[in-house]
Amino acid sequence: MEECLKSLPPQLLKWVGNKQRIARQIVDAFPLDFGVYYEPFLGSGAVMGALAPNCAVGSDVLPALIRIWDRLVHAPEELISDYDRYRAQIDKGVDKRCVYRRALDDYNLSNDDRAFVFLSRACYGGVIRFRKADGYMSTPVGAHMPISTESFRKRVYSWRERVVGATFDCMDYREAFELPQSGDLVYCDPPYVDTQKILYGAQSFDFDDLIGCIDDAKSRGVRVAMSIDGSKQGGRKWVDLDLPRNLFESEVRISVGKSMLRRFQLAGEVLDGEEVVDRLLLTYGL
């Protein structure tokens, strides 16, 4: 386990709120023995990648995201080709902003979800958001240069080694929570209550529904870990959550640095005093 965490490769996807930097601390709080590992809010898959489980189910409601993870395992060269379809245009001298607009049009207007892997690497800060009116992805292009196809290729094969034991399904977290059995482990990284309402899936997300799913899973002998809001603004703001008594038996507080989502909301302003601490809530004792 220790060696796996040390060698966690760079992010496959650029994804706001990802747990890449704190994956070690999260996995350290997992039980030593468990059955199948479930991650129903998969996103960038950082925690699954750190854990490198032998048997796992990753899921999310965003079809294009699940397509990426499924191709990573079953068709890695096709995934690399999806990315290079756009990145190669930049190498040929096409302005990055024009390439990004083409990828957005392919995804939004043509329903070509192969464009999403490039968009996830090239959008501002990995902020994945969609307009309510038409469902179009609306994130602007990022200031950074998307990584080269060769760098992306290396990441694909490094990540594939870590998640090859997983299956990936597009489903709502409620469906995902019906699958685990006694002895299994679920890790949840849901939309945060206080700050993530602009992200995909967050506008209709009901935190109380998730708590009900966790309660039911615990009653079946499933162990659940959940990352959620803690303190914001360098500790000046604490996010109160209405949690049932005795549902969570342990808690770990993890410093996550400055919020990229907050930077996006402040149009790139300096984030002095915007440090964030997450809560990792566990339905079992440490």
C-alpha atoms as a PDB file:
ATOM      1  CA  MET A   1       0.000   0.000   0.000  1.00  0.00           C
ATOM      2  CA  GLU A   2       2.777   2.427   0.952  1.00  0.00           C
ATOM      3  CA  GLU A   3       4.599   1.910  -2.342  1.00  0.00           C
ATOM      4  CA  CYS A   4       1.393   2.350  -4.336  1.00  0.00           C
ATOM      5  CA  LEU A   5       0.752   5.722  -2.752  1.00  0.00           C
ATOM      6  CA  LYS A   6       4.294   6.934  -3.296  1.00  0.00           C
ATOM      7  CA  SER A   7       4.128   6.164  -7.001  1.00  0.00           C
ATOM      8  CA  LEU A   8       0.737   7.704  -7.761  1.00  0.00           C
ATOM      9  CA  PRO A   9       1.210   9.183 -11.262  1.00  0.00           C
ATOM     10  CA  PRO A  10       0.265  12.728 -12.281  1.00  0.00           C
ATOM     11  CA  GLN A  11      -3.432  13.380 -12.843  1.00  0.00           C
ATOM     12  CA  LEU A  12      -4.988  11.708 -15.845  1.00  0.00           C
ATOM     13  CA  LEU A  13      -7.762  14.316 -15.905  1.00  0.00           C
ATOM     14  CA  LYS A  14      -7.559  17.941 -14.833  1.00  0.00           C
ATOM     15  CA  TRP A  15     -10.469  18.048 -12.409  1.00  0.00           C
ATOM     16  CA  VAL A  16     -11.517  20.665  -9.872  1.00  0.00           C
ATOM     17  CA  GLY A  17     -11.813  19.318  -6.337  1.00  0.00           C
ATOM     18  CA  ASN A  18      -9.795  16.226  -7.162  1.00  0.00           C
ATOM     19  CA  LYS A  19      -8.139  14.447  -4.255  1.00  0.00           C
ATOM     20  CA  GLN A  20      -4.773  13.805  -5.900  1.00  0.00           C
ATOM     21  CA  ARG A  21      -2.684  15.635  -3.276  1.00  0.00           C
ATOM     22  CA  ILE A  22      -4.475  14.165  -0.271  1.00  0.00           C
ATOM     23  CA  ALA A  23      -5.176  10.656  -1.554  1.00  0.00           C
ATOM     24  CA  ARG A  24      -2.586   9.172   0.838  1.00  0.00           C
ATOM     25  CA  GLN A  25      -4.365  10.614   3.875  1.00  0.00           C
ATOM     26  CA  ILE A  26      -7.753   9.399   2.672  1.00  0.00           C
ATOM     27  CA  VAL A  27      -6.594   5.871   1.909  1.00  0.00           C
ATOM     28  CA  ASP A  28      -4.751   5.708   5.240  1.00  0.00           C
ATOM     29  CA  ALA A  29      -8.179   5.988   6.900  1.00  0.00           C
ATOM     30  CA  PHE A  30      -9.606   2.991   5.006  1.00  0.00           C
ATOM     31  CA  PRO A  31      -9.916  -0.388   6.741  1.00  0.00           C
ATOM     32  CA  LEU A  32      -7.086  -2.806   6.031  1.00  0.00           C
ATOM     33  CA  ASP A  33      -9.428  -5.536   4.830  1.00  0.00           C
ATOM     34  CA  PHE A  34     -12.565  -5.135   2.746  1.00  0.00           C
ATOM     35  CA  GLY A  35     -14.333  -6.789  -0.162  1.00  0.00           C
ATOM     36  CA  VAL A  36     -15.228  -4.771  -3.245  1.00  0.00           C
ATOM     37  CA  TYR A  37     -14.317  -1.081  -3.383  1.00  0.00           C
ATOM     38  CA  TYR A  38     -16.991   1.303  -4.694  1.00  0.00           C
ATOM     39  CA  GLU A  39     -16.586   4.921  -5.715  1.00  0.00           C
ATOM     40  CA  PRO A  40     -19.961   6.396  -6.811  1.00  0.00           C
ATOM     41  CA  PHE A  41     -18.731   9.972  -7.445  1.00  0.00           C
ATOM     42  CA  LEU A  42     -15.719   8.967  -9.515  1.00  0.00           C
ATOM     43  CA  GLY A  43     -14.542  12.244 -11.055  1.00  0.00           C
ATOM     44  CA  SER A  44     -10.772  12.152 -11.515  1.00  0.00           C
ATOM     45  CA  GLY A  45     -10.487   8.780  -9.768  1.00  0.00           C
ATOM     46  CA  ALA A  46      -7.572   9.975  -7.625  1.00  0.00           C
ATOM     47  CA  VAL A  47      -8.504   7.931  -4.566  1.00  0.00           C
ATOM     48  CA  MET A  48      -9.147   4.784  -6.589  1.00  0.00           C
ATOM     49  CA  GLY A  49      -5.809   5.314  -8.290  1.00  0.00           C
ATOM     50  CA  ALA A  50      -4.039   5.668  -4.950  1.00  0.00           C
ATOM     51  CA  LEU A  51      -5.717   2.554  -3.598  1.00  0.00           C
ATOM     52  CA  ALA A  52      -5.179   0.473  -6.769  1.00  0.00           C
ATOM     53  CA  PRO A  53      -7.845  -2.056  -5.677  1.00  0.00           C
ATOM     54  CA  ASN A  54      -8.004  -5.588  -7.048  1.00  0.00           C
ATOM     55  CA  CYS A  55     -11.779  -5.427  -7.392  1.00  0.00           C
ATOM     56  CA  ALA A  56     -13.680  -2.151  -7.717  1.00  0.00           C
ATOM     57  CA  VAL A  57     -16.675  -0.417  -9.259  1.00  0.00           C
ATOM     58  CA  GLY A  58     -16.360   3.224 -10.279  1.00  0.00           C
ATOM     59  CA  SER A  59     -19.457   5.144 -11.306  1.00  0.00           C
ATOM     60  CA  ASP A  60     -20.718   8.608 -12.114  1.00  0.00           C
ATOM     61  CA  VAL A  61     -23.723  10.238 -13.786  1.00  0.00           C
ATOM     62  CA  LEU A  62     -21.681  11.830 -16.584  1.00  0.00           C
ATOM     63  CA  PRO A  63     -21.565   9.431 -19.569  1.00  0.00           C
ATOM     64  CA  ALA A  64     -18.550  11.060 -21.224  1.00  0.00           C
ATOM     65  CA  LEU A  65     -16.529  10.657 -18.026  1.00  0.00           C
ATOM     66  CA  ILE A  66     -17.332   6.960 -17.723  1.00  0.00           C
ATOM     67  CA  ARG A  67     -16.417   6.531 -21.380  1.00  0.00           C
ATOM     68  CA  ILE A  68     -12.925   7.818 -20.554  1.00  0.00           C
ATOM     69  CA  TRP A  69     -12.415   5.355 -17.706  1.00  0.00           C
ATOM     70  CA  ASP A  70     -13.827   2.426 -19.654  1.00  0.00           C
ATOM     71  CA  ARG A  71     -11.579   3.189 -22.621  1.00  0.00           C
ATOM     72  CA  LEU A  72      -8.613   3.578 -20.297  1.00  0.00           C
ATOM     73  CA  VAL A  73      -8.982  -0.081 -19.312  1.00  0.00           C
ATOM     74  CA  HIS A  74     -10.286  -1.641 -22.524  1.00  0.00           C
ATOM     75  CA  ALA A  75      -9.070   0.598 -25.357  1.00  0.00           C
ATOM     76  CA  PRO A  76      -6.209   2.841 -24.168  1.00  0.00           C
ATOM     77  CA  GLU A  77      -4.944   3.622 -27.676  1.00  0.00           C
ATOM     78  CA  GLU A  78      -8.402   4.847 -28.678  1.00  0.00           C
ATOM     79  CA  LEU A  79      -8.442   7.144 -25.646  1.00  0.00           C
ATOM     80  CA  ILE A  80      -5.044   8.526 -26.608  1.00  0.00           C
ATOM     81  CA  SER A  81      -6.314   9.063 -30.152  1.00  0.00           C
ATOM     82  CA  ASP A  82      -9.342  10.953 -28.795  1.00  0.00           C
ATOM     83  CA  TYR A  83      -7.004  13.342 -26.999  1.00  0.00           C
ATOM     84  CA  ASP A  84      -4.537  13.679 -29.888  1.00  0.00           C
ATOM     85  CA  ARG A  85      -7.383  14.518 -32.274  1.00  0.00           C
ATOM     86  CA  TYR A  86      -7.309  18.022 -30.738  1.00  0.00           C
ATOM     87  CA  ARG A  87      -3.867  18.327 -29.150  1.00  0.00           C
ATOM     88  CA  ALA A  88      -2.168  17.629 -32.495  1.00  0.00           C
ATOM     89  CA  GLN A  89      -3.872  20.694 -33.974  1.00  0.00           C
ATOM     90  CA  ILE A  90      -2.043  22.879 -31.443  1.00  0.00           C
ATOM     91  CA  ASP A  91       1.258  21.250 -32.452  1.00  0.00           C
ATOM     92  CA  LYS A  92       0.461  22.250 -36.048  1.00  0.00           C
ATOM     93  CA  GLY A  93       0.129  25.894 -35.025  1.00  0.00           C
ATOM     94  CA  VAL A  94      -3.619  26.263 -34.519  1.00  0.00           C
ATOM     95  CA  ASP A  95      -4.428  28.654 -31.667  1.00  0.00           C
ATOM     96  CA  LYS A  96      -5.307  26.791 -28.482  1.00  0.00           C
ATOM     97  CA  ARG A  97      -8.491  28.817 -28.071  1.00  0.00           C
ATOM     98  CA  CYS A  98      -9.709  27.843 -31.541  1.00  0.00           C
ATOM     99  CA  VAL A  99      -8.999  24.179 -30.881  1.00  0.00           C
ATOM    100  CA  TYR A 100     -10.880  24.382 -27.601  1.00  0.00           C
ATOM    101  CA  ARG A 101     -13.894  25.969 -29.293  1.00  0.00           C
ATOM    102  CA  ARG A 102     -13.917  23.179 -31.872  1.00  0.00           C
ATOM    103  CA  ALA A 103     -13.818  20.560 -29.140  1.00  0.00           C
ATOM    104  CA  LEU A 104     -16.661  22.331 -27.306  1.00  0.00           C
ATOM    105  CA  ASP A 105     -18.737  22.411 -30.480  1.00  0.00           C
ATOM    106  CA  ASP A 106     -18.058  18.739 -31.166  1.00  0.00           C
ATOM    107  CA  TYR A 107     -19.165  17.854 -27.654  1.00  0.00           C
ATOM    108  CA  ASN A 108     -22.110  20.231 -27.309  1.00  0.00           C
ATOM    109  CA  LEU A 109     -23.499  20.373 -30.831  1.00  0.00           C
ATOM    110  CA  SER A 110     -22.518  17.000 -32.285  1.00  0.00           C
ATOM    111  CA  ASN A 111     -22.881  14.871 -29.150  1.00  0.00           C
ATOM    112  CA  ASP A 112     -19.373  13.563 -29.754  1.00  0.00           C
ATOM    113  CA  ASP A 113     -18.208  12.666 -26.274  1.00  0.00           C
ATOM    114  CA  ARG A 114     -14.757  11.704 -27.557  1.00  0.00           C
ATOM    115  CA  ALA A 115     -13.981  15.433 -27.278  1.00  0.00           C
ATOM    116  CA  PHE A 116     -14.496  15.385 -23.527  1.00  0.00           C
ATOM    117  CA  VAL A 117     -11.084  13.989 -22.647  1.00  0.00           C
ATOM    118  CA  PHE A 118      -9.402  16.995 -24.308  1.00  0.00           C
ATOM    119  CA  LEU A 119     -11.888  19.423 -22.754  1.00  0.00           C
ATOM    120  CA  SER A 120     -11.181  18.018 -19.302  1.00  0.00           C
ATOM    121  CA  ARG A 121      -7.463  18.706 -19.764  1.00  0.00           C
ATOM    122  CA  ALA A 122      -7.830  22.116 -21.447  1.00  0.00           C
ATOM    123  CA  CYS A 123     -10.691  23.822 -19.579  1.00  0.00           C
ATOM    124  CA  TYR A 124     -10.116  26.407 -16.857  1.00  0.00           C
ATOM    125  CA  GLY A 125      -8.945  24.712 -13.674  1.00  0.00           C
ATOM    126  CA  GLY A 126     -10.737  21.470 -14.473  1.00  0.00           C
ATOM    127  CA  VAL A 127     -14.052  23.145 -13.613  1.00  0.00           C
ATOM    128  CA  ILE A 128     -16.657  20.935 -15.307  1.00  0.00           C
ATOM    129  CA  ARG A 129     -19.954  22.810 -15.474  1.00  0.00           C
ATOM    130  CA  PHE A 130     -22.988  22.740 -17.756  1.00  0.00           C
ATOM    131  CA  ARG A 131     -25.655  25.335 -18.526  1.00  0.00           C
ATOM    132  CA  LYS A 132     -29.072  24.503 -17.131  1.00  0.00           C
ATOM    133  CA  ALA A 133     -30.895  25.834 -20.192  1.00  0.00           C
ATOM    134  CA  ASP A 134     -29.441  23.473 -22.788  1.00  0.00           C
ATOM    135  CA  GLY A 135     -27.001  21.192 -20.950  1.00  0.00           C
ATOM    136  CA  TYR A 136     -24.000  22.567 -22.864  1.00  0.00           C
ATOM    137  CA  MET A 137     -20.594  22.552 -21.214  1.00  0.00           C
ATOM    138  CA  SER A 138     -19.792  26.224 -20.586  1.00  0.00           C
ATOM    139  CA  THR A 139     -16.339  26.288 -18.974  1.00  0.00           C
ATOM    140  CA  PRO A 140     -13.879  28.648 -20.713  1.00  0.00           C
ATOM    141  CA  VAL A 141     -10.479  27.523 -21.915  1.00  0.00           C
ATOM    142  CA  GLY A 142      -7.718  27.507 -19.325  1.00  0.00           C
ATOM    143  CA  ALA A 143      -4.631  29.710 -19.354  1.00  0.00           C
ATOM    144  CA  HIS A 144      -2.350  26.662 -19.293  1.00  0.00           C
ATOM    145  CA  MET A 145      -1.143  24.684 -22.315  1.00  0.00           C
ATOM    146  CA  PRO A 146      -2.699  21.185 -22.375  1.00  0.00           C
ATOM    147  CA  ILE A 147      -0.089  18.472 -21.881  1.00  0.00           C
ATOM    148  CA  SER A 148       1.415  16.899 -24.991  1.00  0.00           C
ATOM    149  CA  THR A 149      -0.034  13.720 -26.441  1.00  0.00           C
ATOM    150  CA  GLU A 150       3.115  11.855 -25.414  1.00  0.00           C
ATOM    151  CA  SER A 151       2.714  13.002 -21.800  1.00  0.00           C
ATOM    152  CA  PHE A 152      -0.931  12.004 -21.907  1.00  0.00           C
ATOM    153  CA  ARG A 153       0.025   8.578 -23.282  1.00  0.00           C
ATOM    154  CA  LYS A 154       2.362   7.964 -20.341  1.00  0.00           C
ATOM    155  CA  ARG A 155      -0.376   8.907 -17.913  1.00  0.00           C
ATOM    156  CA  VAL A 156      -2.888   6.638 -19.625  1.00  0.00           C
ATOM    157  CA  TYR A 157      -0.728   3.562 -19.194  1.00  0.00           C
ATOM    158  CA  SER A 158       0.353   4.477 -15.659  1.00  0.00           C
ATOM    159  CA  TRP A 159      -3.274   4.932 -14.583  1.00  0.00           C
ATOM    160  CA  ARG A 160      -4.406   1.829 -16.424  1.00  0.00           C
ATOM    161  CA  GLU A 161      -2.109  -0.282 -14.248  1.00  0.00           C
ATOM    162  CA  ARG A 162      -3.794   1.110 -11.131  1.00  0.00           C
ATOM    163  CA  VAL A 163      -7.450   0.676 -12.138  1.00  0.00           C
ATOM    164  CA  VAL A 164      -7.329  -2.407 -14.349  1.00  0.00           C
ATOM    165  CA  GLY A 165      -9.201  -4.335 -11.649  1.00  0.00           C
ATOM    166  CA  ALA A 166     -12.175  -1.975 -11.820  1.00  0.00           C
ATOM    167  CA  THR A 167     -15.345  -1.854 -13.863  1.00  0.00           C
ATOM    168  CA  PHE A 168     -16.965   1.472 -14.724  1.00  0.00           C
ATOM    169  CA  ASP A 169     -20.671   2.173 -15.041  1.00  0.00           C
ATOM    170  CA  CYS A 170     -22.724   5.281 -15.704  1.00  0.00           C
ATOM    171  CA  MET A 171     -25.304   5.465 -12.925  1.00  0.00           C
ATOM    172  CA  ASP A 172     -26.696   7.656 -10.206  1.00  0.00           C
ATOM    173  CA  TYR A 173     -25.196   7.272  -6.751  1.00  0.00           C
ATOM    174  CA  ARG A 174     -28.516   5.884  -5.490  1.00  0.00           C
ATOM    175  CA  GLU A 175     -28.173   2.946  -7.863  1.00  0.00           C
ATOM    176  CA  ALA A 176     -24.530   2.518  -6.924  1.00  0.00           C
ATOM    177  CA  PHE A 177     -25.368   2.317  -3.226  1.00  0.00           C
ATOM    178  CA  GLU A 178     -27.663  -0.640  -3.837  1.00  0.00           C
ATOM    179  CA  LEU A 179     -24.725  -2.803  -4.971  1.00  0.00           C
ATOM    180  CA  PRO A 180     -22.307  -3.086  -2.001  1.00  0.00           C
ATOM    181  CA  GLN A 181     -22.642  -6.012   0.371  1.00  0.00           C
ATOM    182  CA  SER A 182     -21.475  -6.599   3.918  1.00  0.00           C
ATOM    183  CA  GLY A 183     -17.709  -6.136   4.168  1.00  0.00           C
ATOM    184  CA  ASP A 184     -17.442  -3.907   1.106  1.00  0.00           C
ATOM    185  CA  LEU A 185     -16.132  -0.329   1.193  1.00  0.00           C
ATOM    186  CA  VAL A 186     -17.627   2.805  -0.371  1.00  0.00           C
ATOM    187  CA  TYR A 187     -15.761   6.094  -0.750  1.00  0.00           C
ATOM    188  CA  CYS A 188     -17.888   9.171  -1.531  1.00  0.00           C
ATOM    189  CA  ASP A 189     -16.657  12.496  -2.845  1.00  0.00           C
ATOM    190  CA  PRO A 190     -20.029  14.170  -3.555  1.00  0.00           C
ATOM    191  CA  PRO A 191     -20.687  17.786  -4.569  1.00  0.00           C
ATOM    192  CA  TYR A 192     -19.829  19.872  -1.540  1.00  0.00           C
ATOM    193  CA  VAL A 193     -22.748  21.532   0.174  1.00  0.00           C
ATOM    194  CA  ASP A 194     -21.268  25.014   0.486  1.00  0.00           C
ATOM    195  CA  THR A 195     -19.259  25.679  -2.660  1.00  0.00           C
ATOM    196  CA  GLN A 196     -19.866  23.342  -5.582  1.00  0.00           C
ATOM    197  CA  LYS A 197     -23.365  24.184  -6.791  1.00  0.00           C
ATOM    198  CA  ILE A 198     -22.099  25.301 -10.226  1.00  0.00           C
ATOM    199  CA  LEU A 199     -20.543  21.907 -11.003  1.00  0.00           C
ATOM    200  CA  TYR A 200     -22.174  19.173 -13.058  1.00  0.00           C
ATOM    201  CA  GLY A 201     -24.787  17.201 -11.139  1.00  0.00           C
ATOM    202  CA  ALA A 202     -24.620  19.539  -8.149  1.00  0.00           C
ATOM    203  CA  GLN A 203     -27.647  21.694  -8.889  1.00  0.00           C
ATOM    204  CA  SER A 204     -30.059  18.804  -8.369  1.00  0.00           C
ATOM    205  CA  PHE A 205     -27.980  16.984  -5.761  1.00  0.00           C
ATOM    206  CA  ASP A 206     -29.719  16.337  -2.436  1.00  0.00           C
ATOM    207  CA  PHE A 207     -27.291  15.805   0.428  1.00  0.00           C
ATOM    208  CA  ASP A 208     -30.009  14.365   2.676  1.00  0.00           C
ATOM    209  CA  ASP A 209     -30.708  11.657   0.086  1.00  0.00           C
ATOM    210  CA  LEU A 210     -27.045  10.670   0.137  1.00  0.00           C
ATOM    211  CA  ILE A 211     -27.067  10.506   3.926  1.00  0.00           C
ATOM    212  CA  GLY A 212     -30.051   8.143   3.707  1.00  0.00           C
ATOM    213  CA  CYS A 213     -28.116   5.903   1.305  1.00  0.00           C
ATOM    214  CA  ILE A 214     -25.115   5.861   3.643  1.00  0.00           C
ATOM    215  CA  ASP A 215     -27.319   5.006   6.618  1.00  0.00           C
ATOM    216  CA  ASP A 216     -28.894   2.120   4.719  1.00  0.00           C
ATOM    217  CA  ALA A 217     -25.510   0.829   3.556  1.00  0.00           C
ATOM    218  CA  LYS A 218     -24.133   0.905   7.088  1.00  0.00           C
ATOM    219  CA  SER A 219     -27.107  -1.135   8.293  1.00  0.00           C
ATOM    220  CA  ARG A 220     -26.115  -3.810   5.731  1.00  0.00           C
ATOM    221  CA  GLY A 221     -22.562  -4.015   7.058  1.00  0.00           C
ATOM    222  CA  VAL A 222     -21.026  -1.790   4.371  1.00  0.00           C
ATOM    223  CA  ARG A 223     -18.320   0.614   5.498  1.00  0.00           C
ATOM    224  CA  VAL A 224     -18.519   4.129   4.059  1.00  0.00           C
ATOM    225  CA  ALA A 225     -16.020   7.003   3.969  1.00  0.00           C
ATOM    226  CA  MET A 226     -17.120  10.447   2.765  1.00  0.00           C
ATOM    227  CA  SER A 227     -15.168  13.630   2.009  1.00  0.00           C
ATOM    228  CA  ILE A 228     -17.223  16.759   2.643  1.00  0.00           C
ATOM    229  CA  ASP A 229     -17.045  20.442   3.618  1.00  0.00           C
ATOM    230  CA  GLY A 230     -15.127  21.421   6.729  1.00  0.00           C
ATOM    231  CA  SER A 231     -13.696  24.890   7.222  1.00  0.00           C
ATOM    232  CA  LYS A 232     -13.173  27.625   4.618  1.00  0.00           C
ATOM    233  CA  GLN A 233     -11.475  31.014   4.457  1.00  0.00           C
ATOM    234  CA  GLY A 234      -8.489  29.961   6.502  1.00  0.00           C
ATOM    235  CA  GLY A 235     -10.701  28.624   9.314  1.00  0.00           C
ATOM    236  CA  ARG A 236     -12.913  31.710   9.573  1.00  0.00           C
ATOM    237  CA  LYS A 237     -15.923  29.810   8.244  1.00  0.00           C
ATOM    238  CA  TRP A 238     -17.127  26.395   9.405  1.00  0.00           C
ATOM    239  CA  VAL A 239     -19.728  24.581   7.279  1.00  0.00           C
ATOM    240  CA  ASP A 240     -22.365  23.084   9.553  1.00  0.00           C
ATOM    241  CA  LEU A 241     -23.896  19.840   8.327  1.00  0.00           C
ATOM    242  CA  ASP A 242     -27.070  18.354   9.762  1.00  0.00           C
ATOM    243  CA  LEU A 243     -25.795  14.815  10.275  1.00  0.00           C
ATOM    244  CA  PRO A 244     -27.675  12.004  12.050  1.00  0.00           C
ATOM    245  CA  ARG A 245     -26.239  11.143  15.421  1.00  0.00           C
ATOM    246  CA  ASN A 246     -24.077   7.986  15.450  1.00  0.00           C
ATOM    247  CA  LEU A 247     -24.034   7.531  11.665  1.00  0.00           C
ATOM    248  CA  PHE A 248     -20.357   8.470  11.451  1.00  0.00           C
ATOM    249  CA  GLU A 249     -18.096   7.000  14.101  1.00  0.00           C
ATOM    250  CA  SER A 250     -14.821   8.710  13.192  1.00  0.00           C
ATOM    251  CA  GLU A 251     -13.624  11.894  11.541  1.00  0.00           C
ATOM    252  CA  VAL A 252     -10.330  13.000  10.009  1.00  0.00           C
ATOM    253  CA  ARG A 253      -9.668  16.635   9.091  1.00  0.00           C
ATOM    254  CA  ILE A 254      -7.452  17.142   6.055  1.00  0.00           C
ATOM    255  CA  SER A 255      -5.935  20.396   4.824  1.00  0.00           C
ATOM    256  CA  VAL A 256      -6.447  20.720   1.069  1.00  0.00           C
ATOM    257  CA  GLY A 257      -4.831  24.110   0.435  1.00  0.00           C
ATOM    258  CA  LYS A 258      -6.525  26.829  -1.599  1.00  0.00           C
ATOM    259  CA  SER A 259      -9.715  26.225  -3.553  1.00  0.00           C
ATOM    260  CA  MET A 260      -9.399  26.236  -7.367  1.00  0.00           C
ATOM    261  CA  LEU A 261     -13.163  26.585  -7.605  1.00  0.00           C
ATOM    262  CA  ARG A 262     -12.978  29.715  -5.459  1.00  0.00           C
ATOM    263  CA  ARG A 263     -10.243  31.034  -7.769  1.00  0.00           C
ATOM    264  CA  PHE A 264     -12.572  30.460 -10.716  1.00  0.00           C
ATOM    265  CA  GLN A 265     -15.422  32.283  -8.958  1.00  0.00           C
ATOM    266  CA  LEU A 266     -13.103  35.204  -8.161  1.00  0.00           C
ATOM    267  CA  ALA A 267     -11.888  35.384 -11.784  1.00  0.00           C
ATOM    268  CA  GLY A 268      -8.352  34.349 -10.917  1.00  0.00           C
ATOM    269  CA  GLU A 269      -7.744  36.733  -8.027  1.00  0.00           C
ATOM    270  CA  VAL A 270      -5.125  35.903  -5.390  1.00  0.00           C
ATOM    271  CA  LEU A 271      -6.538  33.517  -2.784  1.00  0.00           C
ATOM    272  CA  ASP A 272      -4.764  34.698   0.358  1.00  0.00           C
ATOM    273  CA  GLY A 273      -6.800  33.604   3.358  1.00  0.00           C
ATOM    274  CA  GLU A 274      -8.844  31.079   1.338  1.00  0.00           C
ATOM    275  CA  GLU A 275      -7.323  27.879   2.743  1.00  0.00           C
ATOM    276  CA  VAL A 276      -9.708  24.924   3.024  1.00  0.00           C
ATOM    277  CA  VAL A 277      -9.918  21.969   5.416  1.00  0.00           C
ATOM    278  CA  ASP A 278     -12.024  18.951   4.428  1.00  0.00           C
ATOM    279  CA  ARG A 279     -13.748  16.506   6.724  1.00  0.00           C
ATOM    280  CA  LEU A 280     -13.356  12.789   6.053  1.00  0.00           C
ATOM    281  CA  LEU A 281     -16.290  11.130   7.798  1.00  0.00           C
ATOM    282  CA  LEU A 282     -16.205   7.377   8.488  1.00  0.00           C
ATOM    283  CA  THR A 283     -19.046   5.047   9.460  1.00  0.00           C
ATOM    284  CA  TYR A 284     -16.492   2.875  11.274  1.00  0.00           C
ATOM    285  CA  GLY A 285     -13.881   3.400  13.954  1.00  0.00           C
ATOM    286  CA  LEU A 286     -10.246   4.056  13.149  1.00  0.00           C
END
